[in-house]
Amino acid sequence: DLASVVPTGPASFAAVMGHSLARDAAALAALERLELGYLGLLGGPATVQRLVADRAMPAWFHGPMGLPIGSASPAEIAVGIAAEMVAVRSTSALPA
């Protein structure tokens, strides 16, 4: 039960980035009910749409996660994701 082991609150950041749509869907369903500072979903727009469908996602949901920096390689994608998380953290009321 993923929801029982993830701490809640604005300081908790979670990223769903598996290789299985079924597992990603289960993780997203467990995490979307929690109050988090950030919930990101890795994948292209079509994948995100498929997993989210018509559900109303919380304000802290980011999908596809990562800032659009024109990334192509896994390392560049990771930089975009980290940059988005830093930006979310810096605009929240969290202490640095």
C-alpha atoms as a PDB file:
ATOM      1  CA  ASP A   1       0.000   0.000   0.000  1.00  0.00           C
ATOM      2  CA  LEU A   2       2.002   2.908  -1.342  1.00  0.00           C
ATOM      3  CA  ALA A   3      -0.183   5.573   0.254  1.00  0.00           C
ATOM      4  CA  SER A   4       0.632   4.241   3.718  1.00  0.00           C
ATOM      5  CA  VAL A   5       4.411   4.669   3.340  1.00  0.00           C
ATOM      6  CA  VAL A   6       4.612   8.062   1.629  1.00  0.00           C
ATOM      7  CA  PRO A   7       4.632  10.975   4.071  1.00  0.00           C
ATOM      8  CA  THR A   8       2.145  13.704   3.268  1.00  0.00           C
ATOM      9  CA  GLY A   9       2.506  17.441   3.318  1.00  0.00           C
ATOM     10  CA  PRO A  10       4.033  20.189   1.218  1.00  0.00           C
ATOM     11  CA  ALA A  11       7.583  18.920   1.798  1.00  0.00           C
ATOM     12  CA  SER A  12       6.819  15.516   0.232  1.00  0.00           C
ATOM     13  CA  PHE A  13       7.622  15.118  -3.441  1.00  0.00           C
ATOM     14  CA  ALA A  14       6.778  11.950  -5.379  1.00  0.00           C
ATOM     15  CA  ALA A  15       7.537  10.893  -8.932  1.00  0.00           C
ATOM     16  CA  VAL A  16       5.848   8.061 -10.832  1.00  0.00           C
ATOM     17  CA  MET A  17       8.257   6.814 -13.467  1.00  0.00           C
ATOM     18  CA  GLY A  18       7.965   3.092 -14.016  1.00  0.00           C
ATOM     19  CA  HIS A  19       8.114   0.907 -17.085  1.00  0.00           C
ATOM     20  CA  SER A  20       4.645  -0.548 -16.671  1.00  0.00           C
ATOM     21  CA  LEU A  21       1.465   1.402 -17.386  1.00  0.00           C
ATOM     22  CA  ALA A  22      -0.458  -0.816 -14.973  1.00  0.00           C
ATOM     23  CA  ARG A  23       2.001  -0.156 -12.131  1.00  0.00           C
ATOM     24  CA  ASP A  24       2.152   3.549 -12.944  1.00  0.00           C
ATOM     25  CA  ALA A  25      -1.658   3.692 -12.882  1.00  0.00           C
ATOM     26  CA  ALA A  26      -1.761   1.952  -9.497  1.00  0.00           C
ATOM     27  CA  ALA A  27       0.914   4.259  -8.065  1.00  0.00           C
ATOM     28  CA  LEU A  28      -0.835   7.344  -9.411  1.00  0.00           C
ATOM     29  CA  ALA A  29      -4.174   6.217  -7.969  1.00  0.00           C
ATOM     30  CA  ALA A  30      -2.580   5.743  -4.539  1.00  0.00           C
ATOM     31  CA  LEU A  31      -0.646   9.011  -4.568  1.00  0.00           C
ATOM     32  CA  GLU A  32      -3.228  11.370  -6.063  1.00  0.00           C
ATOM     33  CA  ARG A  33      -5.332  11.097  -2.902  1.00  0.00           C
ATOM     34  CA  LEU A  34      -2.486  12.377  -0.740  1.00  0.00           C
ATOM     35  CA  GLU A  35      -1.664  15.996  -0.068  1.00  0.00           C
ATOM     36  CA  LEU A  36       1.847  16.426  -1.463  1.00  0.00           C
ATOM     37  CA  GLY A  37       4.086  19.266  -2.463  1.00  0.00           C
ATOM     38  CA  TYR A  38       4.685  17.662  -5.854  1.00  0.00           C
ATOM     39  CA  LEU A  39       3.395  14.625  -7.718  1.00  0.00           C
ATOM     40  CA  GLY A  40       5.003  14.066 -11.089  1.00  0.00           C
ATOM     41  CA  LEU A  41       4.270  11.553 -13.819  1.00  0.00           C
ATOM     42  CA  LEU A  42       6.942  10.697 -16.370  1.00  0.00           C
ATOM     43  CA  GLY A  43       5.806  10.085 -19.917  1.00  0.00           C
ATOM     44  CA  GLY A  44       4.719  11.829 -23.033  1.00  0.00           C
ATOM     45  CA  PRO A  45       1.438  13.732 -23.278  1.00  0.00           C
ATOM     46  CA  ALA A  46      -0.387  10.695 -24.694  1.00  0.00           C
ATOM     47  CA  THR A  47       0.802   8.455 -21.865  1.00  0.00           C
ATOM     48  CA  VAL A  48      -0.163  11.023 -19.247  1.00  0.00           C
ATOM     49  CA  GLN A  49      -3.599  11.461 -20.825  1.00  0.00           C
ATOM     50  CA  ARG A  50      -4.086   7.700 -20.900  1.00  0.00           C
ATOM     51  CA  LEU A  51      -3.221   7.355 -17.213  1.00  0.00           C
ATOM     52  CA  VAL A  52      -5.039  10.458 -15.995  1.00  0.00           C
ATOM     53  CA  ALA A  53      -8.052  10.195 -18.334  1.00  0.00           C
ATOM     54  CA  ASP A  54     -10.813  12.517 -17.157  1.00  0.00           C
ATOM     55  CA  ARG A  55      -9.931  12.511 -13.452  1.00  0.00           C
ATOM     56  CA  ALA A  56      -9.507  15.839 -11.708  1.00  0.00           C
ATOM     57  CA  MET A  57      -5.906  15.843 -10.553  1.00  0.00           C
ATOM     58  CA  PRO A  58      -4.703  17.825  -7.545  1.00  0.00           C
ATOM     59  CA  ALA A  59      -2.988  21.184  -8.015  1.00  0.00           C
ATOM     60  CA  TRP A  60       0.389  19.659  -7.139  1.00  0.00           C
ATOM     61  CA  PHE A  61       0.226  17.177 -10.042  1.00  0.00           C
ATOM     62  CA  HIS A  62       2.707  17.688 -12.885  1.00  0.00           C
ATOM     63  CA  GLY A  63       2.314  15.548 -15.953  1.00  0.00           C
ATOM     64  CA  PRO A  64       4.325  15.128 -17.957  1.00  0.00           C
ATOM     65  CA  MET A  65       6.791  16.152 -15.289  1.00  0.00           C
ATOM     66  CA  GLY A  66       9.814  18.282 -16.012  1.00  0.00           C
ATOM     67  CA  LEU A  67      10.359  21.746 -17.394  1.00  0.00           C
ATOM     68  CA  PRO A  68      10.288  21.939 -21.199  1.00  0.00           C
ATOM     69  CA  ILE A  69      13.992  22.605 -21.841  1.00  0.00           C
ATOM     70  CA  GLY A  70      14.202  20.829 -25.191  1.00  0.00           C
ATOM     71  CA  SER A  71      15.658  17.718 -23.610  1.00  0.00           C
ATOM     72  CA  ALA A  72      16.380  14.607 -25.653  1.00  0.00           C
ATOM     73  CA  SER A  73      18.722  12.425 -23.596  1.00  0.00           C
ATOM     74  CA  PRO A  74      17.885  10.762 -20.263  1.00  0.00           C
ATOM     75  CA  ALA A  75      20.358  13.068 -18.511  1.00  0.00           C
ATOM     76  CA  GLU A  76      18.701  16.169 -19.979  1.00  0.00           C
ATOM     77  CA  ILE A  77      15.242  14.870 -19.050  1.00  0.00           C
ATOM     78  CA  ALA A  78      16.512  14.376 -15.479  1.00  0.00           C
ATOM     79  CA  VAL A  79      17.758  17.989 -15.435  1.00  0.00           C
ATOM     80  CA  GLY A  80      14.307  19.203 -16.542  1.00  0.00           C
ATOM     81  CA  ILE A  81      12.617  17.148 -13.809  1.00  0.00           C
ATOM     82  CA  ALA A  82      15.030  18.364 -11.129  1.00  0.00           C
ATOM     83  CA  ALA A  83      14.593  21.950 -12.315  1.00  0.00           C
ATOM     84  CA  GLU A  84      10.814  21.692 -12.048  1.00  0.00           C
ATOM     85  CA  MET A  85      11.052  20.250  -8.539  1.00  0.00           C
ATOM     86  CA  VAL A  86      13.410  23.046  -7.457  1.00  0.00           C
ATOM     87  CA  ALA A  87      11.064  25.631  -8.967  1.00  0.00           C
ATOM     88  CA  VAL A  88       8.072  24.138  -7.115  1.00  0.00           C
ATOM     89  CA  ARG A  89      10.025  24.040  -3.862  1.00  0.00           C
ATOM     90  CA  SER A  90      11.241  27.612  -4.246  1.00  0.00           C
ATOM     91  CA  THR A  91       7.762  29.007  -4.928  1.00  0.00           C
ATOM     92  CA  SER A  92       6.164  27.209  -1.992  1.00  0.00           C
ATOM     93  CA  ALA A  93       6.234  28.223   1.633  1.00  0.00           C
ATOM     94  CA  LEU A  94       8.846  25.564   2.389  1.00  0.00           C
ATOM     95  CA  PRO A  95      12.080  26.511   4.079  1.00  0.00           C
ATOM     96  CA  ALA A  96      15.065  26.025   1.742  1.00  0.00           C
END
